[in-house]
Protein backbone atom coordinates (compact mmCIF):
# COMPACT_ATOMS: atom_id res chain seq x y z
CA MET A 1 100.75 85.01 103.16
CA THR A 2 98.81 82.39 104.65
CA ASP A 3 95.07 83.29 103.41
CA SER A 4 94.34 81.60 100.11
CA VAL A 5 92.72 84.47 98.26
CA ARG A 6 95.34 86.70 96.56
CA HIS A 7 95.15 90.40 95.58
CA LEU A 8 97.14 92.36 93.25
CA VAL A 9 97.54 95.99 94.44
CA PHE A 10 99.11 99.11 92.76
CA VAL A 11 101.20 101.26 95.26
CA TYR A 12 102.43 104.66 94.16
CA GLY A 13 103.52 106.39 97.57
CA THR A 14 104.25 105.72 100.94
CA LEU A 15 103.96 102.05 100.61
CA ARG A 16 106.69 101.69 97.50
CA LYS A 17 109.80 100.10 98.48
CA GLY A 18 112.01 102.24 100.67
CA ALA A 19 109.07 104.68 101.57
CA SER A 20 107.53 105.15 105.18
CA ASN A 21 104.65 102.91 105.13
CA HIS A 22 106.11 99.91 103.26
CA HIS A 23 106.34 97.68 106.37
CA VAL A 24 102.72 97.47 106.00
CA LEU A 25 103.50 95.13 102.97
CA LYS A 26 105.58 92.60 104.85
CA GLY A 27 105.07 89.39 103.66
CA ALA A 28 103.66 90.44 100.34
CA ARG A 29 105.33 89.75 97.03
CA CYS A 30 106.30 92.14 94.41
CA VAL A 31 104.76 91.31 91.12
CA ALA A 32 106.17 94.45 89.19
CA GLU A 33 108.61 96.91 90.30
CA ASN A 34 108.11 99.46 87.43
CA ALA A 35 104.23 99.94 86.89
CA TRP A 36 102.17 102.93 85.92
CA ILE A 37 98.57 104.10 85.44
CA LYS A 38 97.11 106.95 83.84
CA GLY A 39 96.48 109.76 86.08
CA THR A 40 97.76 112.74 88.13
CA LEU A 41 99.76 112.28 91.37
CA TYR A 42 99.45 115.10 94.06
CA ASP A 43 101.52 115.85 97.15
CA THR A 44 98.69 116.46 99.90
CA GLY A 45 101.01 118.30 102.10
CA LEU A 46 100.26 115.60 104.67
CA GLY A 47 103.35 113.46 103.99
CA TYR A 48 101.57 111.28 101.47
CA PRO A 49 100.45 111.52 97.86
CA ALA A 50 97.21 111.17 96.40
CA LEU A 51 96.29 109.60 93.00
CA SER A 52 93.34 111.16 90.75
CA LEU A 53 92.60 109.15 87.63
CA SER A 54 92.78 111.43 84.43
CA PRO A 55 93.27 110.65 80.82
CA GLN A 56 96.65 112.45 80.57
CA GLY A 57 99.73 111.98 82.63
CA LYS A 58 101.04 108.92 84.39
CA VAL A 59 101.59 107.78 87.66
CA TYR A 60 104.40 105.43 88.61
CA GLY A 61 104.73 102.58 91.15
CA GLU A 62 104.86 98.88 91.88
CA ILE A 63 102.36 96.22 91.98
CA PHE A 64 102.49 93.76 94.98
CA GLU A 65 100.53 90.56 95.60
CA VAL A 66 98.66 90.54 99.21
CA ASP A 67 96.61 88.25 100.82
CA GLU A 68 93.14 88.80 102.45
CA THR A 69 94.56 90.00 105.61
CA GLY A 70 97.15 92.42 103.78
CA LEU A 71 94.28 94.05 101.82
CA GLN A 72 92.55 94.73 104.95
CA SER A 73 95.58 96.33 106.53
CA LEU A 74 96.00 98.31 103.60
CA ASP A 75 92.20 99.31 103.78
CA ARG A 76 92.79 100.36 107.43
CA LEU A 77 96.07 102.52 106.25
CA GLU A 78 94.08 104.06 103.65
CA ASN A 79 90.83 104.96 105.52
CA TYR A 80 88.93 102.75 103.53
CA VAL A 81 85.58 101.11 104.52
CA SER A 82 83.62 99.59 101.61
CA GLY A 83 80.34 101.10 101.13
CA ARG A 84 80.94 104.13 103.42
CA VAL A 85 80.53 107.29 101.74
CA ASN A 86 83.36 109.57 103.49
CA ASN A 87 86.47 107.47 103.01
CA LEU A 88 89.96 109.11 102.70
CA TYR A 89 90.42 107.24 99.48
CA GLU A 90 88.29 104.79 97.55
CA ARG A 91 89.73 101.04 96.36
CA MET A 92 88.69 99.93 92.82
CA VAL A 93 90.29 97.69 90.31
CA LYS A 94 91.80 99.34 87.29
CA LYS A 95 94.26 98.23 84.49
CA VAL A 96 97.87 99.03 85.49
CA THR A 97 100.48 98.88 82.75
CA THR A 98 103.75 96.72 83.47
CA SER A 99 106.58 95.52 81.11
CA ASP A 100 104.59 92.24 80.90
CA GLY A 101 101.34 93.91 79.99
CA LEU A 102 98.32 94.93 81.69
CA LEU A 103 97.25 93.79 85.21
CA ASP A 104 94.00 94.28 86.92
CA THR A 105 94.89 95.59 90.27
CA TYR A 106 93.22 97.45 93.21
CA ILE A 107 94.31 101.06 93.40
CA TYR A 108 93.47 103.77 96.13
CA THR A 109 92.26 107.06 94.47
CA VAL A 110 90.71 110.33 95.86
CA ASP A 111 88.75 111.41 92.72
CA HIS A 112 85.93 112.02 95.16
CA ASN A 113 87.95 113.97 97.64
CA LEU A 114 89.86 116.46 95.42
CA SER A 115 90.38 118.84 98.27
CA ILE A 116 93.27 117.03 99.88
CA CYS A 117 95.28 117.17 96.75
CA GLN A 118 97.45 120.39 97.16
CA LYS A 119 100.36 120.35 94.59
CA CYS A 120 100.63 118.28 91.22
CA ILE A 121 103.55 116.05 91.08
CA PRO A 122 104.58 116.61 87.59
CA SER A 123 106.68 113.59 87.04
CA GLY A 124 104.07 111.30 88.60
CA ASP A 125 106.69 109.58 90.82
CA TRP A 126 106.48 110.05 94.69
CA MET A 127 109.91 108.72 95.40
CA GLU A 128 111.37 110.99 92.82
CA TRP A 129 109.22 113.87 94.35
CA LEU A 130 110.79 113.12 97.85
CA GLU A 131 114.31 113.30 96.54
CA ASP A 132 113.51 116.85 95.42
CA HIS A 133 111.16 118.20 98.19
CA ASP A 134 110.77 118.27 101.92
CA THR A 135 107.29 116.36 102.50
CA SER A 136 107.49 116.44 106.34
CA VAL A 137 104.38 117.54 107.79
CA SER A 138 105.13 120.71 110.54
CA SER A 139 103.73 120.38 113.63
């Protein structure tokens, strides 16, 4: 990472270690391997999950430190443009729990776009869900 500005990002789906889009985080530093936020995790049926913030439930993931270029790459992947009204995901700062306490991190949520939420993932863990379910998209 060469940019001087650093951002913490909570990842809970395809960006997690061992998942299909983790390569987008190349060069990022993992700050917390075990992190969670209050919310509900959904399988979209499109090969990736979606996070809805809610007072009940937990969504599990990891926190990475990225530079400005890394954050821009994540925004492209998540189809997020600041100020646009029809984003797939919205990016915002929320407190995420780690074993060392709370960290302010960027998260990507779909509370404005719940129509993409198909199946609730009761465990709140995408990697666990992948082990038990075929999430491939049929063509």
